[in-house]
Each structure stands twice: as C-alpha cells, then as structure tokens.
PDB file of N, CA and C in Angstrom:
ATOM      1  N   MET A   1     -29.106  51.348  65.808  1.00  0.00           N
ATOM      2  CA  MET A   1     -28.702  52.619  66.346  1.00  0.00           C
ATOM      3  C   MET A   1     -29.938  53.421  66.738  1.00  0.00           C
ATOM      4  N   PRO A   2     -29.986  53.988  67.957  1.00  0.00           N
ATOM      5  CA  PRO A   2     -31.167  54.726  68.404  1.00  0.00           C
ATOM      6  C   PRO A   2     -31.399  55.972  67.557  1.00  0.00           C
ATOM      7  N   GLN A   3     -32.689  56.275  67.340  1.00  0.00           N
ATOM      8  CA  GLN A   3     -33.063  57.476  66.612  1.00  0.00           C
ATOM      9  C   GLN A   3     -32.883  58.700  67.510  1.00  0.00           C
ATOM     10  N   PRO A   4     -32.426  59.819  66.959  1.00  0.00           N
ATOM     11  CA  PRO A   4     -32.306  61.028  67.774  1.00  0.00           C
ATOM     12  C   PRO A   4     -33.695  61.534  68.178  1.00  0.00           C
ATOM     13  N   GLU A   5     -33.781  62.132  69.342  1.00  0.00           N
ATOM     14  CA  GLU A   5     -35.048  62.693  69.826  1.00  0.00           C
ATOM     15  C   GLU A   5     -35.439  63.875  68.956  1.00  0.00           C
ATOM     16  N   ARG A   6     -36.662  63.861  68.427  1.00  0.00           N
ATOM     17  CA  ARG A   6     -37.129  64.932  67.551  1.00  0.00           C
ATOM     18  C   ARG A   6     -38.084  65.884  68.256  1.00  0.00           C
ATOM     19  N   ARG A   7     -38.512  65.566  69.434  1.00  0.00           N
ATOM     20  CA  ARG A   7     -39.524  66.367  70.109  1.00  0.00           C
ATOM     21  C   ARG A   7     -38.913  67.610  70.738  1.00  0.00           C
ATOM     22  N   PHE A   8     -39.669  68.708  70.660  1.00  0.00           N
ATOM     23  CA  PHE A   8     -39.236  69.963  71.259  1.00  0.00           C
ATOM     24  C   PHE A   8     -39.724  70.095  72.699  1.00  0.00           C
ATOM     25  N   ARG A   9     -40.824  69.431  73.002  1.00  0.00           N
ATOM     26  CA  ARG A   9     -41.401  69.480  74.337  1.00  0.00           C
ATOM     27  C   ARG A   9     -41.480  68.062  74.885  1.00  0.00           C
ATOM     28  N   PRO A  10     -41.158  67.885  76.146  1.00  0.00           N
ATOM     29  CA  PRO A  10     -41.265  66.540  76.708  1.00  0.00           C
ATOM     30  C   PRO A  10     -42.727  66.086  76.774  1.00  0.00           C
ATOM     31  N   ARG A  11     -42.909  64.811  76.615  1.00  0.00           N
ATOM     32  CA  ARG A  11     -44.246  64.231  76.731  1.00  0.00           C
ATOM     33  C   ARG A  11     -44.407  63.622  78.101  1.00  0.00           C
ATOM     34  N   ILE A  12     -45.629  63.646  78.572  1.00  0.00           N
ATOM     35  CA  ILE A  12     -45.966  63.082  79.872  1.00  0.00           C
ATOM     36  C   ILE A  12     -46.795  61.827  79.619  1.00  0.00           C
ATOM     37  N   SER A  13     -46.417  60.729  80.238  1.00  0.00           N
ATOM     38  CA  SER A  13     -47.184  59.487  80.098  1.00  0.00           C
ATOM     39  C   SER A  13     -48.487  59.638  80.856  1.00  0.00           C
ATOM     40  N   LEU A  14     -49.580  59.699  80.111  1.00  0.00           N
ATOM     41  CA  LEU A  14     -50.920  59.844  80.680  1.00  0.00           C
ATOM     42  C   LEU A  14     -51.902  59.025  79.860  1.00  0.00           C
ATOM     43  N   GLN A  15     -52.772  58.345  80.517  1.00  0.00           N
ATOM     44  CA  GLN A  15     -53.827  57.604  79.840  1.00  0.00           C
ATOM     45  C   GLN A  15     -55.119  58.395  80.020  1.00  0.00           C
ATOM     46  N   ILE A  16     -55.503  59.097  78.955  1.00  0.00           N
ATOM     47  CA  ILE A  16     -56.680  59.959  78.968  1.00  0.00           C
ATOM     48  C   ILE A  16     -57.621  59.491  77.861  1.00  0.00           C
ATOM     49  N   PRO A  17     -58.907  59.288  78.164  1.00  0.00           N
ATOM     50  CA  PRO A  17     -59.856  58.988  77.092  1.00  0.00           C
ATOM     51  C   PRO A  17     -59.914  60.168  76.117  1.00  0.00           C
ATOM     52  N   THR A  18     -59.898  59.866  74.836  1.00  0.00           N
ATOM     53  CA  THR A  18     -59.817  60.872  73.787  1.00  0.00           C
ATOM     54  C   THR A  18     -60.761  60.482  72.663  1.00  0.00           C
ATOM     55  N   GLN A  19     -61.274  61.471  71.964  1.00  0.00           N
ATOM     56  CA  GLN A  19     -62.073  61.206  70.779  1.00  0.00           C
ATOM     57  C   GLN A  19     -61.403  61.903  69.601  1.00  0.00           C
ATOM     58  N   ILE A  20     -61.403  61.235  68.439  1.00  0.00           N
ATOM     59  CA  ILE A  20     -60.890  61.851  67.214  1.00  0.00           C
ATOM     60  C   ILE A  20     -61.928  61.701  66.116  1.00  0.00           C
ATOM     61  N   ARG A  21     -61.873  62.624  65.156  1.00  0.00           N
ATOM     62  CA  ARG A  21     -62.698  62.511  63.949  1.00  0.00           C
ATOM     63  C   ARG A  21     -62.021  63.280  62.838  1.00  0.00           C
ATOM     64  N   PRO A  22     -62.283  62.908  61.590  1.00  0.00           N
ATOM     65  CA  PRO A  22     -61.676  63.634  60.475  1.00  0.00           C
ATOM     66  C   PRO A  22     -62.045  65.117  60.540  1.00  0.00           C
ATOM     67  N   ALA A  23     -61.088  65.995  60.295  1.00  0.00           N
ATOM     68  CA  ALA A  23     -61.344  67.440  60.312  1.00  0.00           C
ATOM     69  C   ALA A  23     -62.149  67.834  59.083  1.00  0.00           C
ATOM     70  N   GLY A  24     -63.009  68.802  59.259  1.00  0.00           N
ATOM     71  CA  GLY A  24     -63.766  69.322  58.132  1.00  0.00           C
ATOM     72  C   GLY A  24     -64.880  68.426  57.655  1.00  0.00           C
ATOM     73  N   LYS A  25     -65.142  67.340  58.354  1.00  0.00           N
ATOM     74  CA  LYS A  25     -66.191  66.412  57.930  1.00  0.00           C
ATOM     75  C   LYS A  25     -67.069  66.077  59.117  1.00  0.00           C
ATOM     76  N   LEU A  26     -68.332  65.901  58.842  1.00  0.00           N
ATOM     77  CA  LEU A  26     -69.191  65.291  59.841  1.00  0.00           C
ATOM     78  C   LEU A  26     -69.042  63.806  59.600  1.00  0.00           C
ATOM     79  N   GLY A  27     -68.717  63.106  60.600  1.00  0.00           N
ATOM     80  CA  GLY A  27     -68.483  61.689  60.420  1.00  0.00           C
ATOM     81  C   GLY A  27     -68.343  61.017  61.756  1.00  0.00           C
ATOM     82  N   PRO A  28     -67.905  59.787  61.717  1.00  0.00           N
ATOM     83  CA  PRO A  28     -67.792  59.050  62.965  1.00  0.00           C
ATOM     84  C   PRO A  28     -66.715  59.655  63.864  1.00  0.00           C
ATOM     85  N   GLU A  29     -66.953  59.545  65.133  1.00  0.00           N
ATOM     86  CA  GLU A  29     -65.979  59.958  66.136  1.00  0.00           C
ATOM     87  C   GLU A  29     -65.499  58.688  66.803  1.00  0.00           C
ATOM     88  N   TRP A  30     -64.173  58.523  66.882  1.00  0.00           N
ATOM     89  CA  TRP A  30     -63.607  57.314  67.452  1.00  0.00           C
ATOM     90  C   TRP A  30     -63.057  57.598  68.840  1.00  0.00           C
ATOM     91  N   THR A  31     -63.311  56.681  69.758  1.00  0.00           N
ATOM     92  CA  THR A  31     -62.773  56.807  71.106  1.00  0.00           C
ATOM     93  C   THR A  31     -61.409  56.135  71.150  1.00  0.00           C
ATOM     94  N   CYS A  32     -60.444  56.827  71.729  1.00  0.00           N
ATOM     95  CA  CYS A  32     -59.073  56.351  71.826  1.00  0.00           C
ATOM     96  C   CYS A  32     -58.588  56.537  73.258  1.00  0.00           C
ATOM     97  N   GLN A  33     -57.365  56.152  73.502  1.00  0.00           N
ATOM     98  CA  GLN A  33     -56.730  56.307  74.822  1.00  0.00           C
ATOM     99  C   GLN A  33     -55.329  56.845  74.599  1.00  0.00           C
ATOM    100  N   THR A  34     -55.016  57.992  75.213  1.00  0.00           N
ATOM    101  CA  THR A  34     -53.658  58.510  75.048  1.00  0.00           C
ATOM    102  C   THR A  34     -52.664  57.621  75.766  1.00  0.00           C
ATOM    103  N   ILE A  35     -51.452  57.620  75.260  1.00  0.00           N
ATOM    104  CA  ILE A  35     -50.328  56.943  75.892  1.00  0.00           C
ATOM    105  C   ILE A  35     -49.388  57.998  76.456  1.00  0.00           C
ATOM    106  N   ASN A  36     -49.163  59.050  75.663  1.00  0.00           N
ATOM    107  CA  ASN A  36     -48.425  60.203  76.167  1.00  0.00           C
ATOM    108  C   ASN A  36     -48.913  61.447  75.453  1.00  0.00           C
ATOM    109  N   VAL A  37     -48.671  62.597  76.101  1.00  0.00           N
ATOM    110  CA  VAL A  37     -49.219  63.850  75.615  1.00  0.00           C
ATOM    111  C   VAL A  37     -48.276  65.007  75.943  1.00  0.00           C
ATOM    112  N   SER A  38     -48.245  65.995  75.072  1.00  0.00           N
ATOM    113  CA  SER A  38     -47.573  67.259  75.361  1.00  0.00           C
ATOM    114  C   SER A  38     -48.440  68.346  74.742  1.00  0.00           C
ATOM    115  N   MET A  39     -48.044  69.577  74.888  1.00  0.00           N
ATOM    116  CA  MET A  39     -48.812  70.648  74.264  1.00  0.00           C
ATOM    117  C   MET A  39     -48.527  70.742  72.763  1.00  0.00           C
ATOM    118  N   MET A  40     -47.609  69.946  72.244  1.00  0.00           N
ATOM    119  CA  MET A  40     -47.294  69.946  70.813  1.00  0.00           C
ATOM    120  C   MET A  40     -47.861  68.735  70.070  1.00  0.00           C
ATOM    121  N   GLY A  41     -48.228  67.685  70.803  1.00  0.00           N
ATOM    122  CA  GLY A  41     -48.718  66.494  70.140  1.00  0.00           C
ATOM    123  C   GLY A  41     -49.103  65.417  71.121  1.00  0.00           C
ATOM    124  N   ALA A  42     -49.492  64.273  70.580  1.00  0.00           N
ATOM    125  CA  ALA A  42     -49.916  63.149  71.418  1.00  0.00           C
ATOM    126  C   ALA A  42     -49.676  61.846  70.670  1.00  0.00           C
ATOM    127  N   TYR A  43     -49.640  60.787  71.445  1.00  0.00           N
ATOM    128  CA  TYR A  43     -49.553  59.426  70.906  1.00  0.00           C
ATOM    129  C   TYR A  43     -50.650  58.647  71.598  1.00  0.00           C
ATOM    130  N   PHE A  44     -51.489  57.964  70.820  1.00  0.00           N
ATOM    131  CA  PHE A  44     -52.587  57.233  71.436  1.00  0.00           C
ATOM    132  C   PHE A  44     -52.820  55.897  70.766  1.00  0.00           C
ATOM    133  N   SER A  45     -53.547  55.073  71.485  1.00  0.00           N
ATOM    134  CA  SER A  45     -53.930  53.752  71.023  1.00  0.00           C
ATOM    135  C   SER A  45     -55.362  53.844  70.494  1.00  0.00           C
ATOM    136  N   ALA A  46     -55.583  53.323  69.284  1.00  0.00           N
ATOM    137  CA  ALA A  46     -56.890  53.455  68.645  1.00  0.00           C
ATOM    138  C   ALA A  46     -57.302  52.159  67.958  1.00  0.00           C
ATOM    139  N   ASP A  47     -58.608  51.989  67.825  1.00  0.00           N
ATOM    140  CA  ASP A  47     -59.149  50.849  67.084  1.00  0.00           C
ATOM    141  C   ASP A  47     -59.074  51.083  65.581  1.00  0.00           C
ATOM    142  N   VAL A  48     -58.983  52.355  65.189  1.00  0.00           N
ATOM    143  CA  VAL A  48     -58.902  52.714  63.777  1.00  0.00           C
ATOM    144  C   VAL A  48     -57.502  53.221  63.482  1.00  0.00           C
ATOM    145  N   ALA A  49     -57.112  53.157  62.229  1.00  0.00           N
ATOM    146  CA  ALA A  49     -55.799  53.660  61.817  1.00  0.00           C
ATOM    147  C   ALA A  49     -56.008  54.723  60.749  1.00  0.00           C
ATOM    148  N   PRO A  50     -56.068  55.992  61.164  1.00  0.00           N
ATOM    149  CA  PRO A  50     -56.203  57.044  60.159  1.00  0.00           C
ATOM    150  C   PRO A  50     -54.977  57.056  59.245  1.00  0.00           C
ATOM    151  N   HIS A  51     -55.080  57.747  58.134  1.00  0.00           N
ATOM    152  CA  HIS A  51     -53.981  57.819  57.173  1.00  0.00           C
ATOM    153  C   HIS A  51     -52.966  58.870  57.585  1.00  0.00           C
ATOM    154  N   VAL A  52     -51.689  58.556  57.410  1.00  0.00           N
ATOM    155  CA  VAL A  52     -50.626  59.525  57.663  1.00  0.00           C
ATOM    156  C   VAL A  52     -50.880  60.745  56.781  1.00  0.00           C
ATOM    157  N   GLY A  53     -50.771  61.925  57.373  1.00  0.00           N
ATOM    158  CA  GLY A  53     -51.020  63.175  56.659  1.00  0.00           C
ATOM    159  C   GLY A  53     -52.430  63.699  56.820  1.00  0.00           C
ATOM    160  N   GLU A  54     -53.354  62.853  57.264  1.00  0.00           N
ATOM    161  CA  GLU A  54     -54.750  63.255  57.424  1.00  0.00           C
ATOM    162  C   GLU A  54     -54.881  64.272  58.562  1.00  0.00           C
ATOM    163  N   LEU A  55     -55.753  65.260  58.359  1.00  0.00           N
ATOM    164  CA  LEU A  55     -56.083  66.203  59.423  1.00  0.00           C
ATOM    165  C   LEU A  55     -57.252  65.650  60.219  1.00  0.00           C
ATOM    166  N   VAL A  56     -57.148  65.738  61.533  1.00  0.00           N
ATOM    167  CA  VAL A  56     -58.193  65.251  62.425  1.00  0.00           C
ATOM    168  C   VAL A  56     -58.454  66.288  63.514  1.00  0.00           C
ATOM    169  N   HIS A  57     -59.607  66.173  64.138  1.00  0.00           N
ATOM    170  CA  HIS A  57     -59.891  66.909  65.357  1.00  0.00           C
ATOM    171  C   HIS A  57     -59.715  65.932  66.509  1.00  0.00           C
ATOM    172  N   VAL A  58     -58.989  66.360  67.516  1.00  0.00           N
ATOM    173  CA  VAL A  58     -58.738  65.547  68.700  1.00  0.00           C
ATOM    174  C   VAL A  58     -59.399  66.249  69.878  1.00  0.00           C
ATOM    175  N   PHE A  59     -60.345  65.571  70.506  1.00  0.00           N
ATOM    176  CA  PHE A  59     -61.047  66.115  71.668  1.00  0.00           C
ATOM    177  C   PHE A  59     -60.443  65.471  72.908  1.00  0.00           C
ATOM    178  N   ILE A  60     -59.855  66.299  73.764  1.00  0.00           N
ATOM    179  CA  ILE A  60     -59.103  65.762  74.892  1.00  0.00           C
ATOM    180  C   ILE A  60     -59.161  66.724  76.070  1.00  0.00           C
ATOM    181  N   GLU A  61     -59.179  66.158  77.244  1.00  0.00           N
ATOM    182  CA  GLU A  61     -59.116  66.940  78.470  1.00  0.00           C
ATOM    183  C   GLU A  61     -57.654  67.000  78.902  1.00  0.00           C
ATOM    184  N   ILE A  62     -57.067  68.190  78.831  1.00  0.00           N
ATOM    185  CA  ILE A  62     -55.648  68.366  79.143  1.00  0.00           C
ATOM    186  C   ILE A  62     -55.505  68.755  80.615  1.00  0.00           C
ATOM    187  N   PRO A  63     -54.768  67.939  81.381  1.00  0.00           N
ATOM    188  CA  PRO A  63     -54.597  68.248  82.802  1.00  0.00           C
ATOM    189  C   PRO A  63     -53.575  69.365  83.039  1.00  0.00           C
ATOM    190  N   LYS A  64     -53.643  69.937  84.201  1.00  0.00           N
ATOM    191  CA  LYS A  64     -52.752  71.026  84.589  1.00  0.00           C
ATOM    192  C   LYS A  64     -51.283  70.630  84.478  1.00  0.00           C
ATOM    193  N   GLU A  65     -50.945  69.348  84.710  1.00  0.00           N
ATOM    194  CA  GLU A  65     -49.555  68.879  84.638  1.00  0.00           C
ATOM    195  C   GLU A  65     -48.951  69.076  83.257  1.00  0.00           C
ATOM    196  N   VAL A  66     -49.790  69.118  82.226  1.00  0.00           N
ATOM    197  CA  VAL A  66     -49.307  69.281  80.856  1.00  0.00           C
ATOM    198  C   VAL A  66     -49.327  70.752  80.439  1.00  0.00           C
ATOM    199  N   SER A  67     -50.431  71.443  80.706  1.00  0.00           N
ATOM    200  CA  SER A  67     -50.605  72.807  80.204  1.00  0.00           C
ATOM    201  C   SER A  67     -50.144  73.898  81.161  1.00  0.00           C
ATOM    202  N   GLY A  68     -50.080  73.583  82.457  1.00  0.00           N
ATOM    203  CA  GLY A  68     -49.774  74.613  83.434  1.00  0.00           C
ATOM    204  C   GLY A  68     -50.978  75.460  83.774  1.00  0.00           C
ATOM    205  N   LYS A  69     -52.127  75.158  83.166  1.00  0.00           N
ATOM    206  CA  LYS A  69     -53.380  75.889  83.397  1.00  0.00           C
ATOM    207  C   LYS A  69     -54.392  74.919  83.996  1.00  0.00           C
ATOM    208  N   PRO A  70     -55.480  75.434  84.571  1.00  0.00           N
ATOM    209  CA  PRO A  70     -56.496  74.518  85.106  1.00  0.00           C
ATOM    210  C   PRO A  70     -56.949  73.508  84.050  1.00  0.00           C
ATOM    211  N   THR A  71     -57.215  72.289  84.477  1.00  0.00           N
ATOM    212  CA  THR A  71     -57.667  71.230  83.575  1.00  0.00           C
ATOM    213  C   THR A  71     -58.860  71.714  82.757  1.00  0.00           C
ATOM    214  N   ALA A  72     -58.793  71.500  81.440  1.00  0.00           N
ATOM    215  CA  ALA A  72     -59.869  71.933  80.548  1.00  0.00           C
ATOM    216  C   ALA A  72     -59.965  70.985  79.360  1.00  0.00           C
ATOM    217  N   ARG A  73     -61.116  71.016  78.713  1.00  0.00           N
ATOM    218  CA  ARG A  73     -61.352  70.219  77.503  1.00  0.00           C
ATOM    219  C   ARG A  73     -60.979  71.077  76.295  1.00  0.00           C
ATOM    220  N   TYR A  74     -60.258  70.463  75.359  1.00  0.00           N
ATOM    221  CA  TYR A  74     -59.795  71.151  74.163  1.00  0.00           C
ATOM    222  C   TYR A  74     -60.197  70.365  72.918  1.00  0.00           C
ATOM    223  N   CYS A  75     -60.324  71.090  71.819  1.00  0.00           N
ATOM    224  CA  CYS A  75     -60.437  70.482  70.494  1.00  0.00           C
ATOM    225  C   CYS A  75     -59.214  70.941  69.720  1.00  0.00           C
ATOM    226  N   PHE A  76     -58.308  70.010  69.429  1.00  0.00           N
ATOM    227  CA  PHE A  76     -57.100  70.299  68.659  1.00  0.00           C
ATOM    228  C   PHE A  76     -57.316  69.904  67.211  1.00  0.00           C
ATOM    229  N   THR A  77     -56.818  70.708  66.305  1.00  0.00           N
ATOM    230  CA  THR A  77     -56.691  70.297  64.918  1.00  0.00           C
ATOM    231  C   THR A  77     -55.272  69.747  64.812  1.00  0.00           C
ATOM    232  N   ALA A  78     -55.163  68.531  64.317  1.00  0.00           N
ATOM    233  CA  ALA A  78     -53.873  67.849  64.311  1.00  0.00           C
ATOM    234  C   ALA A  78     -53.675  67.099  63.003  1.00  0.00           C
ATOM    235  N   ARG A  79     -52.421  66.856  62.697  1.00  0.00           N
ATOM    236  CA  ARG A  79     -52.068  66.042  61.530  1.00  0.00           C
ATOM    237  C   ARG A  79     -51.504  64.714  62.020  1.00  0.00           C
ATOM    238  N   ILE A  80     -51.957  63.631  61.397  1.00  0.00           N
ATOM    239  CA  ILE A  80     -51.425  62.304  61.701  1.00  0.00           C
ATOM    240  C   ILE A  80     -50.006  62.244  61.152  1.00  0.00           C
ATOM    241  N   ILE A  81     -49.029  61.979  62.035  1.00  0.00           N
ATOM    242  CA  ILE A  81     -47.636  61.938  61.567  1.00  0.00           C
ATOM    243  C   ILE A  81     -47.082  60.524  61.467  1.00  0.00           C
ATOM    244  N   HIS A  82     -47.652  59.591  62.230  1.00  0.00           N
ATOM    245  CA  HIS A  82     -47.261  58.191  62.043  1.00  0.00           C
ATOM    246  C   HIS A  82     -48.326  57.275  62.622  1.00  0.00           C
ATOM    247  N   VAL A  83     -48.401  56.085  62.045  1.00  0.00           N
ATOM    248  CA  VAL A  83     -49.340  55.053  62.493  1.00  0.00           C
ATOM    249  C   VAL A  83     -48.573  53.744  62.553  1.00  0.00           C
ATOM    250  N   GLU A  84     -48.668  53.066  63.679  1.00  0.00           N
ATOM    251  CA  GLU A  84     -48.028  51.758  63.861  1.00  0.00           C
ATOM    252  C   GLU A  84     -49.125  50.735  64.111  1.00  0.00           C
ATOM    253  N   THR A  85     -49.218  49.732  63.244  1.00  0.00           N
ATOM    254  CA  THR A  85     -50.243  48.714  63.443  1.00  0.00           C
ATOM    255  C   THR A  85     -49.790  47.718  64.505  1.00  0.00           C
ATOM    256  N   ASP A  86     -50.753  47.201  65.229  1.00  0.00           N
ATOM    257  CA  ASP A  86     -50.523  46.228  66.308  1.00  0.00           C
ATOM    258  C   ASP A  86     -49.530  46.745  67.357  1.00  0.00           C
ATOM    259  N   HIS A  87     -49.564  48.038  67.591  1.00  0.00           N
ATOM    260  CA  HIS A  87     -48.692  48.627  68.606  1.00  0.00           C
ATOM    261  C   HIS A  87     -49.445  49.766  69.261  1.00  0.00           C
ATOM    262  N   PRO A  88     -49.511  49.916  70.485  1.00  0.00           N
ATOM    263  CA  PRO A  88     -48.726  49.260  71.519  1.00  0.00           C
ATOM    264  C   PRO A  88     -49.282  47.914  71.961  1.00  0.00           C
ATOM    265  N   VAL A  89     -50.500  47.561  71.514  1.00  0.00           N
ATOM    266  CA  VAL A  89     -51.045  46.233  71.819  1.00  0.00           C
ATOM    267  C   VAL A  89     -51.631  45.643  70.541  1.00  0.00           C
ATOM    268  N   ALA A  90     -51.676  44.326  70.480  1.00  0.00           N
ATOM    269  CA  ALA A  90     -52.213  43.647  69.302  1.00  0.00           C
ATOM    270  C   ALA A  90     -53.657  44.087  69.065  1.00  0.00           C
ATOM    271  N   GLY A  91     -53.974  44.336  67.809  1.00  0.00           N
ATOM    272  CA  GLY A  91     -55.326  44.726  67.444  1.00  0.00           C
ATOM    273  C   GLY A  91     -55.581  46.218  67.536  1.00  0.00           C
ATOM    274  N   LYS A  92     -54.621  46.976  68.001  1.00  0.00           N
ATOM    275  CA  LYS A  92     -54.765  48.427  68.120  1.00  0.00           C
ATOM    276  C   LYS A  92     -53.706  49.103  67.253  1.00  0.00           C
ATOM    277  N   ALA A  93     -53.987  50.323  66.857  1.00  0.00           N
ATOM    278  CA  ALA A  93     -53.010  51.123  66.131  1.00  0.00           C
ATOM    279  C   ALA A  93     -52.430  52.151  67.089  1.00  0.00           C
ATOM    280  N   GLY A  94     -51.142  52.382  66.994  1.00  0.00           N
ATOM    281  CA  GLY A  94     -50.501  53.470  67.714  1.00  0.00           C
ATOM    282  C   GLY A  94     -50.467  54.660  66.771  1.00  0.00           C
ATOM    283  N   VAL A  95     -51.080  55.770  67.178  1.00  0.00           N
ATOM    284  CA  VAL A  95     -51.244  56.924  66.309  1.00  0.00           C
ATOM    285  C   VAL A  95     -50.558  58.135  66.934  1.00  0.00           C
ATOM    286  N   GLY A  96     -49.656  58.758  66.183  1.00  0.00           N
ATOM    287  CA  GLY A  96     -48.979  59.966  66.641  1.00  0.00           C
ATOM    288  C   GLY A  96     -49.487  61.166  65.871  1.00  0.00           C
ATOM    289  N   VAL A  97     -49.763  62.259  66.581  1.00  0.00           N
ATOM    290  CA  VAL A  97     -50.260  63.475  65.951  1.00  0.00           C
ATOM    291  C   VAL A  97     -49.449  64.688  66.396  1.00  0.00           C
ATOM    292  N   ASN A  98     -49.360  65.669  65.500  1.00  0.00           N
ATOM    293  CA  ASN A  98     -48.838  66.994  65.831  1.00  0.00           C
ATOM    294  C   ASN A  98     -50.032  67.930  65.909  1.00  0.00           C
ATOM    295  N   PHE A  99     -50.122  68.692  66.987  1.00  0.00           N
ATOM    296  CA  PHE A  99     -51.187  69.668  67.124  1.00  0.00           C
ATOM    297  C   PHE A  99     -50.817  70.929  66.353  1.00  0.00           C
ATOM    298  N   TYR A 100     -51.785  71.502  65.610  1.00  0.00           N
ATOM    299  CA  TYR A 100     -51.565  72.741  64.861  1.00  0.00           C
ATOM    300  C   TYR A 100     -52.302  73.919  65.463  1.00  0.00           C
ATOM    301  N   SER A 101     -53.514  73.696  65.889  1.00  0.00           N
ATOM    302  CA  SER A 101     -54.306  74.757  66.494  1.00  0.00           C
ATOM    303  C   SER A 101     -55.264  74.118  67.479  1.00  0.00           C
ATOM    304  N   TYR A 102     -55.829  74.941  68.330  1.00  0.00           N
ATOM    305  CA  TYR A 102     -56.760  74.396  69.305  1.00  0.00           C
ATOM    306  C   TYR A 102     -57.803  75.423  69.697  1.00  0.00           C
ATOM    307  N   GLU A 103     -58.876  74.903  70.258  1.00  0.00           N
ATOM    308  CA  GLU A 103     -59.941  75.714  70.824  1.00  0.00           C
ATOM    309  C   GLU A 103     -60.216  75.158  72.215  1.00  0.00           C
ATOM    310  N   ARG A 104     -60.154  76.018  73.198  1.00  0.00           N
ATOM    311  CA  ARG A 104     -60.494  75.592  74.552  1.00  0.00           C
ATOM    312  C   ARG A 104     -62.016  75.535  74.630  1.00  0.00           C
ATOM    313  N   MET A 105     -62.529  74.382  75.011  1.00  0.00           N
ATOM    314  CA  MET A 105     -63.965  74.162  75.012  1.00  0.00           C
ATOM    315  C   MET A 105     -64.583  74.441  76.377  1.00  0.00           C
ATOM    316  N   GLY A 106     -63.776  74.609  77.395  1.00  0.00           N
ATOM    317  CA  GLY A 106     -64.320  74.924  78.702  1.00  0.00           C
ATOM    318  C   GLY A 106     -63.591  74.191  79.802  1.00  0.00           C
ATOM    319  N   LYS A 107     -63.886  74.617  80.997  1.00  0.00           N
ATOM    320  CA  LYS A 107     -63.276  74.039  82.187  1.00  0.00           C
ATOM    321  C   LYS A 107     -63.789  72.633  82.397  1.00  0.00           C
ATOM    322  N   SER A 108     -62.940  71.787  82.883  1.00  0.00           N
ATOM    323  CA  SER A 108     -63.302  70.413  83.179  1.00  0.00           C
ATOM    324  C   SER A 108     -64.150  70.340  84.433  1.00  0.00           C
ATOM    325  N   ASN A 109     -64.966  69.317  84.519  1.00  0.00           N
ATOM    326  CA  ASN A 109     -65.730  69.056  85.743  1.00  0.00           C
ATOM    327  C   ASN A 109     -64.866  68.423  86.807  1.00  0.00           C
ATOM    328  N   HIS A 110     -63.610  68.042  86.457  1.00  0.00           N
ATOM    329  CA  HIS A 110     -62.718  67.329  87.372  1.00  0.00           C
ATOM    330  C   HIS A 110     -61.684  68.230  88.018  1.00  0.00           C
ATOM    331  N   THR A 111     -61.860  69.547  87.996  1.00  0.00           N
ATOM    332  CA  THR A 111     -60.853  70.446  88.575  1.00  0.00           C
ATOM    333  C   THR A 111     -61.013  70.582  90.051  1.00  0.00           C
TER     334      THR A 111
END
C-alpha cells in the first residue's frame, strides 16, 4: 500500500552539487548531489551515510525555480531524517534532510 505524502511543499527534481558537514564541528565536508529539493528539505546521493537525527550544515546553491528569488548560495542547518543504503545507486546513500534554519551566503555567479 502506498505511503501517504508527508511533504508540505513540492520538491523539484534537480541535480545540484552540494556539500554537507556535521553542524557545530570543524570536520570533513562531503560533496553530494541533490536528487530533489524544496525550501523545506532535500534528498541527495552521498558517499557517506550520516546518522538519522544528526544535525548537519548543507551548503547549496538554490535556483530561482525553487526559492522564487535570484539564485544564491545558502548554508542550511538541517536534521537527517532518513538514510537509505545503496539507493538511489549502488555504493551511495540516499539522504533526506529537513531544513531548520538558513543563512544566505551571497548571490550566485550563475545568475
């Protein structure tokens, strides 16, 4: 039986290079690729599988199609809400996050 849709905002299928790192820590930054994005959260493919519940910083360039504002780079504080191993491709983790807060880091060079 299909699961009911839980999202409040529609997601847009976009493949955007993204970086994540644990919040509140200086540590490694991992490069990922978004699969879909909204202003409330994102789903991406990653080489690492953070722990569900972990807070992370997500560095991403949000296009005008998602935000309604000129394309800009943002740093979101997000919580990992689910991790799927070997999905969407073998050897990668599918990581879903909810955004809690953000800081606009500046206008994109691609506007």
